């Protein structure tokens, strides 16, 4: 009986410890990636994809039909994100909440990285050759976490079609239903799909 009690106490301490790790790590996904990935499998590296503005010739990037620039960067309002000390190392996803705080609770079903303030896993901070300031083509961004082998390609053949964008069916930030599917017949568009360059 005492051994069983000790065993359950160890489990409770382990769960509480993991909970504390989660609470502490949630404050800064980028800064605590090494710790998160030590405790949990499948944590995507927030630095796995290059920031789009640094991944090639900026002139070519700006010629892209889907080029977009973040408004503060375009308008040279650097202090909005970097502060007056302009500490490049100190800028993490939580700075995005200054302007985009409502995104974390916008939908009944939220996408995990959005709820965890991991904006920079998917988005470039300054400019991108890809719509929505994505760091790479949509499928590449999604496959940081969602491996093609894990997707049901029999019932949903679009999952296997490299030409189909994930956000044609799913919202990147969240939705009203499971899997964050766009409502059928609602004419819903992915967030930020106005097509206007230079949005922020």
N, C-alpha and C. Protein backbone atom coordinates (compact mmCIF):
# COMPACT_ATOMS: atom_id res chain seq x y z
N UNK A 1 0.83 -1.20 0.00
CA UNK A 1 0.00 0.00 0.00
C UNK A 1 0.86 1.25 0.00
N UNK A 2 1.92 1.21 0.84
CA UNK A 2 2.80 2.36 0.92
C UNK A 2 3.57 2.55 -0.38
N UNK A 3 3.95 1.44 -1.02
CA UNK A 3 4.68 1.52 -2.30
C UNK A 3 3.78 2.13 -3.38
N UNK A 4 2.51 1.75 -3.38
CA UNK A 4 1.56 2.31 -4.36
C UNK A 4 1.39 3.80 -4.13
N UNK A 5 1.33 4.20 -2.84
CA UNK A 5 1.18 5.62 -2.51
C UNK A 5 2.40 6.40 -2.99
N UNK A 6 3.61 5.82 -2.75
CA UNK A 6 4.84 6.48 -3.19
C UNK A 6 4.86 6.61 -4.71
N UNK A 7 4.41 5.56 -5.41
CA UNK A 7 4.38 5.59 -6.87
C UNK A 7 3.44 6.67 -7.40
N UNK A 8 2.25 6.76 -6.78
CA UNK A 8 1.31 7.78 -7.24
C UNK A 8 1.81 9.18 -6.90
N UNK A 9 2.56 9.30 -5.78
CA UNK A 9 3.13 10.59 -5.42
C UNK A 9 4.19 11.00 -6.45
N UNK A 10 4.99 10.06 -6.92
CA UNK A 10 5.99 10.35 -7.95
C UNK A 10 5.33 10.82 -9.23
N UNK A 11 4.24 10.14 -9.61
CA UNK A 11 3.51 10.53 -10.82
C UNK A 11 2.97 11.95 -10.66
N UNK A 12 2.39 12.24 -9.48
CA UNK A 12 1.83 13.58 -9.24
C UNK A 12 2.92 14.64 -9.30
N UNK A 13 4.07 14.36 -8.72
CA UNK A 13 5.19 15.30 -8.75
C UNK A 13 5.67 15.49 -10.18
N UNK A 14 5.74 14.39 -10.93
CA UNK A 14 6.16 14.47 -12.34
C UNK A 14 5.21 15.31 -13.17
N UNK A 15 3.91 15.10 -12.99
CA UNK A 15 2.90 15.87 -13.73
C UNK A 15 2.97 17.34 -13.33
N UNK A 16 3.09 17.60 -12.03
CA UNK A 16 3.20 18.99 -11.57
C UNK A 16 4.46 19.65 -12.13
N UNK A 17 5.56 18.90 -12.15
CA UNK A 17 6.81 19.43 -12.70
C UNK A 17 6.67 19.75 -14.17
N UNK A 18 6.05 18.85 -14.93
CA UNK A 18 5.83 19.10 -16.36
C UNK A 18 4.94 20.31 -16.55
N UNK A 19 3.93 20.45 -15.68
CA UNK A 19 3.05 21.62 -15.76
C UNK A 19 3.80 22.91 -15.52
N UNK A 20 4.70 22.90 -14.53
CA UNK A 20 5.51 24.09 -14.26
C UNK A 20 6.42 24.41 -15.43
N UNK A 21 7.00 23.37 -16.04
CA UNK A 21 7.85 23.58 -17.22
C UNK A 21 7.03 24.23 -18.33
N UNK A 22 5.81 23.72 -18.53
CA UNK A 22 4.94 24.28 -19.58
C UNK A 22 4.62 25.74 -19.30
N UNK A 23 4.27 26.05 -18.05
CA UNK A 23 3.92 27.43 -17.70
C UNK A 23 5.12 28.33 -17.91
N UNK A 24 6.30 27.89 -17.45
CA UNK A 24 7.50 28.72 -17.58
C UNK A 24 7.89 28.89 -19.05
N UNK A 25 7.81 27.81 -19.81
CA UNK A 25 8.23 27.86 -21.21
C UNK A 25 7.27 28.66 -22.07
N UNK A 26 6.00 28.70 -21.69
CA UNK A 26 5.01 29.40 -22.52
C UNK A 26 5.33 30.88 -22.64
N UNK A 27 6.08 31.41 -21.69
CA UNK A 27 6.40 32.84 -21.73
C UNK A 27 7.28 33.18 -22.92
N UNK A 28 8.09 32.26 -23.38
CA UNK A 28 9.00 32.54 -24.48
C UNK A 28 9.35 31.25 -25.20
N UNK A 29 8.62 30.95 -26.27
CA UNK A 29 8.84 29.72 -27.01
C UNK A 29 10.23 29.71 -27.63
N UNK A 30 10.63 30.83 -28.24
CA UNK A 30 11.92 30.88 -28.90
C UNK A 30 13.07 30.68 -27.91
N UNK A 31 13.00 31.38 -26.78
CA UNK A 31 14.09 31.33 -25.81
C UNK A 31 14.20 29.95 -25.17
N UNK A 32 13.07 29.25 -25.00
CA UNK A 32 13.08 27.99 -24.26
C UNK A 32 12.89 26.75 -25.14
N UNK A 33 13.19 26.88 -26.44
CA UNK A 33 13.01 25.75 -27.34
C UNK A 33 13.81 24.53 -26.88
N UNK A 34 15.06 24.72 -26.46
CA UNK A 34 15.90 23.59 -26.08
C UNK A 34 15.28 22.81 -24.92
N UNK A 35 14.75 23.54 -23.94
CA UNK A 35 14.13 22.88 -22.79
C UNK A 35 12.83 22.17 -23.20
N UNK A 36 12.00 22.85 -24.00
CA UNK A 36 10.75 22.23 -24.45
C UNK A 36 11.02 20.95 -25.23
N UNK A 37 11.99 21.00 -26.15
CA UNK A 37 12.26 19.84 -26.99
C UNK A 37 12.89 18.70 -26.19
N UNK A 38 13.51 19.01 -25.04
CA UNK A 38 14.06 17.98 -24.18
C UNK A 38 12.93 17.18 -23.53
N UNK A 39 11.87 17.87 -23.11
CA UNK A 39 10.77 17.21 -22.40
C UNK A 39 9.70 16.65 -23.33
N UNK A 40 9.53 17.25 -24.53
CA UNK A 40 8.42 16.87 -25.39
C UNK A 40 8.91 16.55 -26.80
N UNK A 41 8.38 15.47 -27.37
CA UNK A 41 8.68 15.12 -28.76
C UNK A 41 7.87 16.01 -29.69
N UNK A 42 8.40 16.26 -30.88
CA UNK A 42 7.64 16.94 -31.93
C UNK A 42 7.55 18.44 -31.77
N UNK A 43 8.38 19.05 -30.93
CA UNK A 43 8.37 20.51 -30.81
C UNK A 43 9.17 21.07 -31.98
N UNK A 44 8.54 21.86 -32.85
CA UNK A 44 9.27 22.38 -34.00
C UNK A 44 10.29 23.42 -33.59
N UNK A 45 11.42 23.42 -34.26
CA UNK A 45 12.46 24.40 -33.99
C UNK A 45 12.04 25.73 -34.58
N UNK A 46 11.86 26.78 -33.78
CA UNK A 46 11.41 28.06 -34.33
C UNK A 46 12.43 28.69 -35.28
N UNK A 47 13.65 28.15 -35.28
CA UNK A 47 14.67 28.68 -36.19
C UNK A 47 14.91 27.75 -37.38
N UNK A 48 14.03 26.75 -37.55
CA UNK A 48 14.25 25.76 -38.61
C UNK A 48 14.09 26.37 -39.99
N UNK A 49 13.15 27.29 -40.13
CA UNK A 49 12.97 27.96 -41.41
C UNK A 49 13.64 29.33 -41.34
N UNK A 50 14.35 29.72 -42.38
CA UNK A 50 14.99 31.04 -42.34
C UNK A 50 13.96 32.15 -42.40
N UNK A 51 14.27 33.28 -41.79
CA UNK A 51 13.41 34.45 -41.95
C UNK A 51 13.48 34.85 -43.41
N UNK A 52 12.35 35.04 -44.04
CA UNK A 52 12.29 35.21 -45.49
C UNK A 52 13.18 36.34 -45.99
N UNK A 53 13.24 37.44 -45.24
CA UNK A 53 14.02 38.58 -45.71
C UNK A 53 15.51 38.29 -45.74
N UNK A 54 15.94 37.24 -45.04
CA UNK A 54 17.36 36.91 -45.00
C UNK A 54 17.67 35.64 -45.79
N UNK A 55 16.68 35.11 -46.51
CA UNK A 55 16.87 33.82 -47.15
C UNK A 55 17.17 33.94 -48.64
N UNK A 56 17.43 35.12 -49.12
CA UNK A 56 17.73 35.27 -50.53
C UNK A 56 17.91 36.73 -50.88
N UNK A 57 17.96 37.00 -52.15
CA UNK A 57 18.15 38.35 -52.65
C UNK A 57 16.89 39.17 -52.36
N UNK A 58 16.99 40.23 -51.54
CA UNK A 58 15.80 41.05 -51.23
C UNK A 58 15.14 41.62 -52.47
N UNK A 59 15.94 41.95 -53.50
CA UNK A 59 15.36 42.51 -54.73
C UNK A 59 14.45 41.50 -55.41
N UNK A 60 14.90 40.24 -55.49
CA UNK A 60 14.07 39.19 -56.09
C UNK A 60 12.84 38.91 -55.24
N UNK A 61 13.04 38.90 -53.92
CA UNK A 61 11.91 38.66 -53.02
C UNK A 61 10.83 39.72 -53.23
N UNK A 62 11.24 40.94 -53.41
CA UNK A 62 10.28 42.04 -53.56
C UNK A 62 9.60 42.03 -54.92
N UNK A 63 10.09 41.24 -55.85
CA UNK A 63 9.43 41.10 -57.15
C UNK A 63 8.38 40.00 -57.15
N UNK A 64 8.29 39.27 -56.05
CA UNK A 64 7.33 38.17 -55.96
C UNK A 64 5.91 38.72 -56.03
N UNK A 65 5.04 37.99 -56.71
CA UNK A 65 3.63 38.39 -56.83
C UNK A 65 2.93 38.37 -55.47
N UNK A 66 3.49 37.62 -54.52
CA UNK A 66 2.87 37.52 -53.20
C UNK A 66 3.70 38.25 -52.13
N UNK A 67 4.60 39.12 -52.56
CA UNK A 67 5.43 39.88 -51.61
C UNK A 67 4.56 40.70 -50.66
N UNK A 68 4.94 40.70 -49.39
CA UNK A 68 4.24 41.51 -48.39
C UNK A 68 5.27 42.04 -47.39
N UNK A 69 5.01 43.23 -46.89
CA UNK A 69 5.92 43.85 -45.93
C UNK A 69 5.10 44.25 -44.70
N UNK A 70 5.67 44.06 -43.53
CA UNK A 70 5.04 44.40 -42.26
C UNK A 70 5.01 45.93 -42.15
N UNK A 71 3.87 46.49 -41.85
CA UNK A 71 3.69 47.95 -41.87
C UNK A 71 4.71 48.71 -41.01
N UNK A 72 5.00 48.29 -39.77
CA UNK A 72 6.00 49.04 -39.00
C UNK A 72 7.38 49.06 -39.67
N UNK A 73 7.76 47.94 -40.30
CA UNK A 73 9.04 47.87 -41.00
C UNK A 73 9.02 48.79 -42.22
N UNK A 74 7.91 48.74 -42.97
CA UNK A 74 7.76 49.58 -44.16
C UNK A 74 7.85 51.07 -43.80
N UNK A 75 7.22 51.43 -42.69
CA UNK A 75 7.14 52.83 -42.29
C UNK A 75 8.30 53.27 -41.39
N UNK A 76 9.30 52.38 -41.24
CA UNK A 76 10.49 52.65 -40.43
C UNK A 76 10.16 53.00 -38.98
N UNK A 77 9.15 52.31 -38.44
CA UNK A 77 8.77 52.49 -37.04
C UNK A 77 9.38 51.35 -36.22
N UNK A 78 10.70 51.24 -36.27
CA UNK A 78 11.43 50.13 -35.67
C UNK A 78 11.19 50.02 -34.17
N UNK A 79 11.05 51.17 -33.49
CA UNK A 79 10.92 51.14 -32.03
C UNK A 79 9.65 50.44 -31.57
N UNK A 80 8.66 50.31 -32.43
CA UNK A 80 7.42 49.63 -32.03
C UNK A 80 7.69 48.18 -31.63
N UNK A 81 8.65 47.55 -32.28
CA UNK A 81 8.98 46.15 -31.97
C UNK A 81 10.31 46.02 -31.22
N UNK A 82 11.27 46.84 -31.60
CA UNK A 82 12.62 46.69 -31.05
C UNK A 82 12.86 47.53 -29.81
N UNK A 83 12.00 48.51 -29.55
CA UNK A 83 12.20 49.41 -28.41
C UNK A 83 13.31 50.40 -28.70
N UNK A 84 13.53 51.28 -27.77
CA UNK A 84 14.54 52.32 -27.99
C UNK A 84 15.96 51.80 -27.88
N UNK A 85 16.15 50.67 -27.15
CA UNK A 85 17.50 50.11 -27.02
C UNK A 85 17.91 49.33 -28.26
N UNK A 86 16.92 48.97 -29.10
CA UNK A 86 17.14 48.24 -30.35
C UNK A 86 17.98 46.99 -30.14
N UNK A 87 17.56 46.17 -29.19
CA UNK A 87 18.24 44.91 -28.90
C UNK A 87 17.70 43.82 -29.82
N UNK A 88 18.44 43.48 -30.85
CA UNK A 88 17.98 42.50 -31.85
C UNK A 88 17.72 41.13 -31.21
N UNK A 89 18.53 40.75 -30.23
CA UNK A 89 18.37 39.44 -29.61
C UNK A 89 17.12 39.38 -28.74
N UNK A 90 16.63 40.53 -28.29
CA UNK A 90 15.52 40.54 -27.36
C UNK A 90 14.15 40.45 -28.00
N UNK A 91 14.06 40.51 -29.33
CA UNK A 91 12.76 40.51 -29.99
C UNK A 91 12.29 39.08 -30.20
N UNK A 92 11.16 38.76 -29.58
CA UNK A 92 10.56 37.44 -29.69
C UNK A 92 9.09 37.61 -30.02
N UNK A 93 8.39 36.50 -30.16
CA UNK A 93 7.00 36.53 -30.59
C UNK A 93 6.10 37.36 -29.70
N UNK A 94 6.42 37.45 -28.40
CA UNK A 94 5.51 38.18 -27.50
C UNK A 94 5.39 39.65 -27.88
N UNK A 95 6.35 40.19 -28.63
CA UNK A 95 6.25 41.59 -29.06
C UNK A 95 5.08 41.77 -30.05
N UNK A 96 4.69 40.71 -30.72
CA UNK A 96 3.59 40.77 -31.69
C UNK A 96 2.26 41.12 -31.00
N UNK A 97 2.16 40.76 -29.72
CA UNK A 97 0.91 40.98 -29.00
C UNK A 97 0.61 42.45 -28.76
N UNK A 98 1.61 43.31 -28.91
CA UNK A 98 1.36 44.74 -28.77
C UNK A 98 0.26 45.19 -29.73
N UNK A 99 0.25 44.64 -30.93
CA UNK A 99 -0.74 45.02 -31.95
C UNK A 99 -1.74 43.91 -32.25
N UNK A 100 -1.36 42.65 -32.00
CA UNK A 100 -2.19 41.52 -32.44
C UNK A 100 -2.69 40.66 -31.28
N UNK A 101 -2.90 41.26 -30.13
CA UNK A 101 -3.30 40.50 -28.95
C UNK A 101 -4.61 39.73 -29.16
N UNK A 102 -5.54 40.31 -29.91
CA UNK A 102 -6.85 39.66 -30.11
C UNK A 102 -6.75 38.35 -30.87
N UNK A 103 -5.64 38.13 -31.59
CA UNK A 103 -5.51 36.89 -32.36
C UNK A 103 -5.48 35.65 -31.48
N UNK A 104 -5.03 35.78 -30.23
CA UNK A 104 -4.90 34.61 -29.36
C UNK A 104 -6.24 34.07 -28.87
N UNK A 105 -7.29 34.87 -28.97
CA UNK A 105 -8.61 34.42 -28.50
C UNK A 105 -9.69 34.69 -29.54
N UNK A 106 -9.30 34.83 -30.77
CA UNK A 106 -10.24 35.23 -31.83
C UNK A 106 -11.25 34.14 -32.16
N UNK A 107 -10.87 32.87 -32.04
CA UNK A 107 -11.73 31.76 -32.46
C UNK A 107 -12.04 30.83 -31.28
N UNK A 108 -13.14 30.08 -31.37
CA UNK A 108 -13.43 29.08 -30.34
C UNK A 108 -12.37 27.98 -30.30
N UNK A 109 -11.83 27.59 -31.46
CA UNK A 109 -10.77 26.58 -31.54
C UNK A 109 -9.52 27.29 -32.05
N UNK A 110 -8.50 27.38 -31.20
CA UNK A 110 -7.29 28.10 -31.57
C UNK A 110 -6.18 27.14 -32.00
N UNK A 111 -5.38 27.55 -32.97
CA UNK A 111 -4.20 26.80 -33.40
C UNK A 111 -3.15 26.91 -32.29
N UNK A 112 -2.55 25.81 -31.92
CA UNK A 112 -1.61 25.76 -30.80
C UNK A 112 -0.53 26.84 -30.81
N UNK A 113 0.20 27.01 -31.92
CA UNK A 113 1.26 28.02 -31.92
C UNK A 113 0.74 29.44 -31.68
N UNK A 114 -0.48 29.73 -32.14
CA UNK A 114 -1.05 31.05 -31.93
C UNK A 114 -1.36 31.24 -30.45
N UNK A 115 -2.01 30.25 -29.87
CA UNK A 115 -2.35 30.32 -28.45
C UNK A 115 -1.10 30.41 -27.57
N UNK A 116 0.01 29.81 -28.03
CA UNK A 116 1.25 29.80 -27.26
C UNK A 116 2.18 30.97 -27.60
N UNK A 117 1.67 31.92 -28.38
CA UNK A 117 2.46 33.08 -28.80
C UNK A 117 3.75 32.66 -29.50
N UNK A 118 3.61 31.79 -30.48
CA UNK A 118 4.78 31.34 -31.26
C UNK A 118 4.68 31.89 -32.68
N UNK A 119 4.40 33.17 -32.81
CA UNK A 119 4.18 33.81 -34.11
C UNK A 119 5.34 33.59 -35.07
N UNK A 120 6.57 33.66 -34.55
CA UNK A 120 7.75 33.59 -35.40
C UNK A 120 8.08 32.18 -35.88
N UNK A 121 7.31 31.18 -35.44
CA UNK A 121 7.46 29.86 -36.04
C UNK A 121 7.01 29.90 -37.50
N UNK A 122 6.00 30.71 -37.76
CA UNK A 122 5.38 30.72 -39.09
C UNK A 122 5.63 32.01 -39.87
N UNK A 123 5.72 33.12 -39.16
CA UNK A 123 5.76 34.42 -39.82
C UNK A 123 7.13 35.09 -39.74
N UNK A 124 7.48 35.80 -40.82
CA UNK A 124 8.67 36.66 -40.81
C UNK A 124 8.27 38.00 -40.21
N UNK A 125 9.20 38.65 -39.57
CA UNK A 125 8.87 39.88 -38.86
C UNK A 125 8.89 41.12 -39.74
N UNK A 126 9.67 41.09 -40.82
CA UNK A 126 9.85 42.31 -41.62
C UNK A 126 9.14 42.24 -42.97
N UNK A 127 9.56 41.31 -43.81
CA UNK A 127 8.99 41.20 -45.15
C UNK A 127 9.14 39.77 -45.62
N UNK A 128 8.35 39.42 -46.62
CA UNK A 128 8.37 38.04 -47.09
C UNK A 128 7.95 37.97 -48.55
N UNK A 129 8.46 36.98 -49.25
CA UNK A 129 8.02 36.72 -50.62
C UNK A 129 6.66 36.03 -50.63
N UNK A 130 6.19 35.62 -49.45
CA UNK A 130 4.96 34.83 -49.36
C UNK A 130 3.87 35.61 -48.63
N UNK A 131 2.63 35.41 -49.05
CA UNK A 131 1.49 36.10 -48.44
C UNK A 131 1.45 35.82 -46.94
N UNK A 132 0.82 36.72 -46.20
CA UNK A 132 0.64 36.61 -44.75
C UNK A 132 1.97 36.68 -44.00
N UNK A 133 3.02 37.18 -44.64
CA UNK A 133 4.36 37.25 -44.05
C UNK A 133 4.87 35.88 -43.63
N UNK A 134 4.46 34.83 -44.34
CA UNK A 134 4.94 33.48 -44.00
C UNK A 134 6.43 33.36 -44.32
N UNK A 135 7.11 32.50 -43.57
CA UNK A 135 8.55 32.34 -43.74
C UNK A 135 8.91 31.45 -44.93
N UNK A 136 7.93 30.78 -45.48
CA UNK A 136 8.16 29.84 -46.58
C UNK A 136 6.80 29.57 -47.23
N UNK A 137 6.76 28.79 -48.32
CA UNK A 137 5.45 28.42 -48.88
C UNK A 137 4.58 27.74 -47.80
N UNK A 138 3.28 27.88 -47.93
CA UNK A 138 2.34 27.43 -46.90
C UNK A 138 2.60 26.00 -46.45
N UNK A 139 2.70 25.06 -47.39
CA UNK A 139 2.86 23.66 -47.01
C UNK A 139 4.16 23.43 -46.23
N UNK A 140 5.23 24.13 -46.60
CA UNK A 140 6.50 23.99 -45.88
C UNK A 140 6.36 24.48 -44.45
N UNK A 141 5.64 25.57 -44.26
CA UNK A 141 5.43 26.09 -42.91
C UNK A 141 4.62 25.09 -42.09
N UNK A 142 3.54 24.58 -42.66
CA UNK A 142 2.68 23.63 -41.94
C UNK A 142 3.41 22.32 -41.62
N UNK A 143 4.28 21.89 -42.54
CA UNK A 143 4.97 20.61 -42.35
C UNK A 143 6.12 20.71 -41.35
N UNK A 144 6.34 21.89 -40.76
CA UNK A 144 7.25 21.96 -39.62
C UNK A 144 6.73 21.07 -38.50
N UNK A 145 5.40 21.03 -38.35
CA UNK A 145 4.77 20.27 -37.27
C UNK A 145 3.92 19.10 -37.77
N UNK A 146 3.23 19.30 -38.89
CA UNK A 146 2.27 18.30 -39.38
C UNK A 146 2.90 17.51 -40.52
N UNK A 147 3.48 16.37 -40.20
CA UNK A 147 4.14 15.56 -41.23
C UNK A 147 3.10 14.92 -42.14
N UNK A 148 3.42 14.84 -43.42
CA UNK A 148 2.49 14.29 -44.41
C UNK A 148 2.08 12.86 -44.04
N UNK A 149 2.99 12.10 -43.42
CA UNK A 149 2.70 10.71 -43.04
C UNK A 149 1.59 10.63 -42.00
N UNK A 150 1.39 11.69 -41.25
CA UNK A 150 0.38 11.70 -40.19
C UNK A 150 -1.00 12.10 -40.70
N UNK A 151 -1.07 12.60 -41.92
CA UNK A 151 -2.34 13.08 -42.46
C UNK A 151 -3.08 11.97 -43.18
N UNK A 152 -4.40 11.99 -43.07
CA UNK A 152 -5.24 10.99 -43.74
C UNK A 152 -5.38 11.39 -45.21
N UNK A 153 -4.64 10.72 -46.08
CA UNK A 153 -4.68 11.06 -47.50
C UNK A 153 -5.72 10.24 -48.26
N UNK A 154 -6.29 9.20 -47.60
CA UNK A 154 -7.34 8.40 -48.25
C UNK A 154 -8.66 9.14 -48.25
N UNK A 155 -9.06 9.58 -47.05
CA UNK A 155 -10.33 10.32 -46.94
C UNK A 155 -10.20 11.75 -47.45
N UNK A 156 -8.99 12.30 -47.38
CA UNK A 156 -8.76 13.68 -47.82
C UNK A 156 -7.59 13.69 -48.80
N UNK A 157 -7.87 13.40 -50.08
CA UNK A 157 -6.79 13.31 -51.07
C UNK A 157 -6.01 14.61 -51.22
N UNK A 158 -6.64 15.75 -50.87
CA UNK A 158 -5.95 17.05 -50.98
C UNK A 158 -4.69 17.09 -50.12
N UNK A 159 -4.67 16.29 -49.05
CA UNK A 159 -3.48 16.27 -48.19
C UNK A 159 -2.24 15.82 -48.96
N UNK A 160 -2.43 14.96 -49.93
CA UNK A 160 -1.29 14.44 -50.69
C UNK A 160 -0.97 15.28 -51.92
N UNK A 161 -1.82 16.23 -52.25
CA UNK A 161 -1.64 17.05 -53.45
C UNK A 161 -0.77 18.26 -53.13
N UNK A 162 0.44 18.25 -53.64
CA UNK A 162 1.41 19.32 -53.35
C UNK A 162 0.95 20.67 -53.89
N UNK A 163 -0.02 20.67 -54.79
CA UNK A 163 -0.50 21.93 -55.37
C UNK A 163 -1.57 22.60 -54.51
N UNK A 164 -2.14 21.86 -53.57
CA UNK A 164 -3.22 22.40 -52.73
C UNK A 164 -2.62 23.05 -51.48
N UNK A 165 -2.94 24.31 -51.27
CA UNK A 165 -2.47 25.03 -50.09
C UNK A 165 -3.30 24.62 -48.88
N UNK A 166 -2.65 24.40 -47.76
CA UNK A 166 -3.35 24.01 -46.54
C UNK A 166 -4.41 25.04 -46.15
N UNK A 167 -4.11 26.34 -46.38
CA UNK A 167 -5.05 27.38 -45.96
C UNK A 167 -6.21 27.55 -46.93
N UNK A 168 -6.24 26.74 -47.99
CA UNK A 168 -7.44 26.72 -48.83
C UNK A 168 -8.60 26.12 -48.05
N UNK A 169 -8.30 25.21 -47.13
CA UNK A 169 -9.34 24.55 -46.33
C UNK A 169 -9.28 24.92 -44.85
N UNK A 170 -8.07 25.14 -44.34
CA UNK A 170 -7.88 25.39 -42.92
C UNK A 170 -7.48 26.84 -42.67
N UNK A 171 -7.92 27.37 -41.55
CA UNK A 171 -7.47 28.69 -41.11
C UNK A 171 -6.17 28.49 -40.33
N UNK A 172 -5.20 29.34 -40.55
CA UNK A 172 -3.91 29.19 -39.88
C UNK A 172 -3.93 29.57 -38.41
N UNK A 173 -4.87 30.38 -38.00
CA UNK A 173 -4.89 30.85 -36.62
C UNK A 173 -5.93 30.15 -35.76
N UNK A 174 -7.03 29.72 -36.34
CA UNK A 174 -8.07 29.05 -35.57
C UNK A 174 -9.36 29.02 -36.34
N UNK A 175 -10.40 28.50 -35.72
CA UNK A 175 -11.68 28.42 -36.42
C UNK A 175 -12.83 28.11 -35.47
N UNK A 176 -13.99 27.91 -36.07
CA UNK A 176 -15.19 27.63 -35.28
C UNK A 176 -15.36 26.14 -35.00
N UNK A 177 -14.59 25.31 -35.69
CA UNK A 177 -14.77 23.87 -35.54
C UNK A 177 -13.42 23.17 -35.52
N UNK A 178 -13.46 21.88 -35.21
CA UNK A 178 -12.27 21.05 -35.15
C UNK A 178 -11.51 21.11 -36.48
N UNK A 179 -10.24 21.02 -36.43
CA UNK A 179 -9.34 21.09 -37.59
C UNK A 179 -9.32 22.48 -38.22
N UNK A 180 -9.98 23.44 -37.62
CA UNK A 180 -9.96 24.83 -38.08
C UNK A 180 -10.34 24.96 -39.56
N UNK A 181 -11.32 24.16 -39.97
CA UNK A 181 -11.79 24.21 -41.36
C UNK A 181 -12.59 25.48 -41.59
N UNK A 182 -12.47 26.05 -42.79
CA UNK A 182 -13.31 27.18 -43.14
C UNK A 182 -14.75 26.69 -43.24
N UNK A 183 -15.70 27.46 -42.79
CA UNK A 183 -17.11 27.06 -42.84
C UNK A 183 -17.54 26.82 -44.28
N UNK A 184 -18.19 25.69 -44.51
CA UNK A 184 -18.65 25.34 -45.86
C UNK A 184 -19.67 26.36 -46.34
N UNK A 185 -19.43 26.88 -47.53
CA UNK A 185 -20.38 27.80 -48.14
C UNK A 185 -20.38 29.19 -47.54
N UNK A 186 -19.45 29.45 -46.60
CA UNK A 186 -19.45 30.76 -45.96
C UNK A 186 -18.68 31.80 -46.75
N UNK A 187 -17.91 31.30 -47.73
CA UNK A 187 -17.07 32.21 -48.50
C UNK A 187 -15.94 32.75 -47.65
N UNK A 188 -15.64 32.04 -46.55
CA UNK A 188 -14.58 32.50 -45.65
C UNK A 188 -13.24 32.48 -46.36
N UNK A 189 -12.45 33.50 -46.09
CA UNK A 189 -11.11 33.57 -46.66
C UNK A 189 -10.10 33.47 -45.53
N UNK A 190 -8.89 32.98 -45.85
CA UNK A 190 -7.86 32.97 -44.81
C UNK A 190 -7.61 34.38 -44.33
N UNK A 191 -7.27 34.52 -43.03
CA UNK A 191 -7.04 35.84 -42.49
C UNK A 191 -5.93 36.53 -43.26
N UNK A 192 -6.11 37.83 -43.47
CA UNK A 192 -5.11 38.61 -44.18
C UNK A 192 -5.10 38.37 -45.67
N UNK A 193 -6.20 37.86 -46.24
CA UNK A 193 -6.19 37.50 -47.66
C UNK A 193 -6.75 38.59 -48.55
N UNK A 194 -6.67 39.82 -48.11
CA UNK A 194 -7.21 40.92 -48.92
C UNK A 194 -6.41 41.14 -50.18
N UNK A 195 -5.16 40.63 -50.20
CA UNK A 195 -4.33 40.77 -51.38
C UNK A 195 -3.54 42.06 -51.38
N UNK A 196 -3.75 42.92 -50.40
CA UNK A 196 -3.05 44.19 -50.35
C UNK A 196 -1.62 43.98 -49.90
N UNK A 197 -0.68 44.48 -50.69
CA UNK A 197 0.71 44.38 -50.29
C UNK A 197 0.97 45.44 -49.25
N UNK A 198 1.88 45.10 -48.36
CA UNK A 198 2.27 46.07 -47.37
C UNK A 198 1.38 46.07 -46.14
N UNK A 199 0.56 45.03 -45.97
CA UNK A 199 -0.28 44.96 -44.79
C UNK A 199 0.53 44.64 -43.57
N UNK A 200 -0.03 44.84 -42.41
CA UNK A 200 0.70 44.53 -41.21
C UNK A 200 -0.22 44.05 -40.20
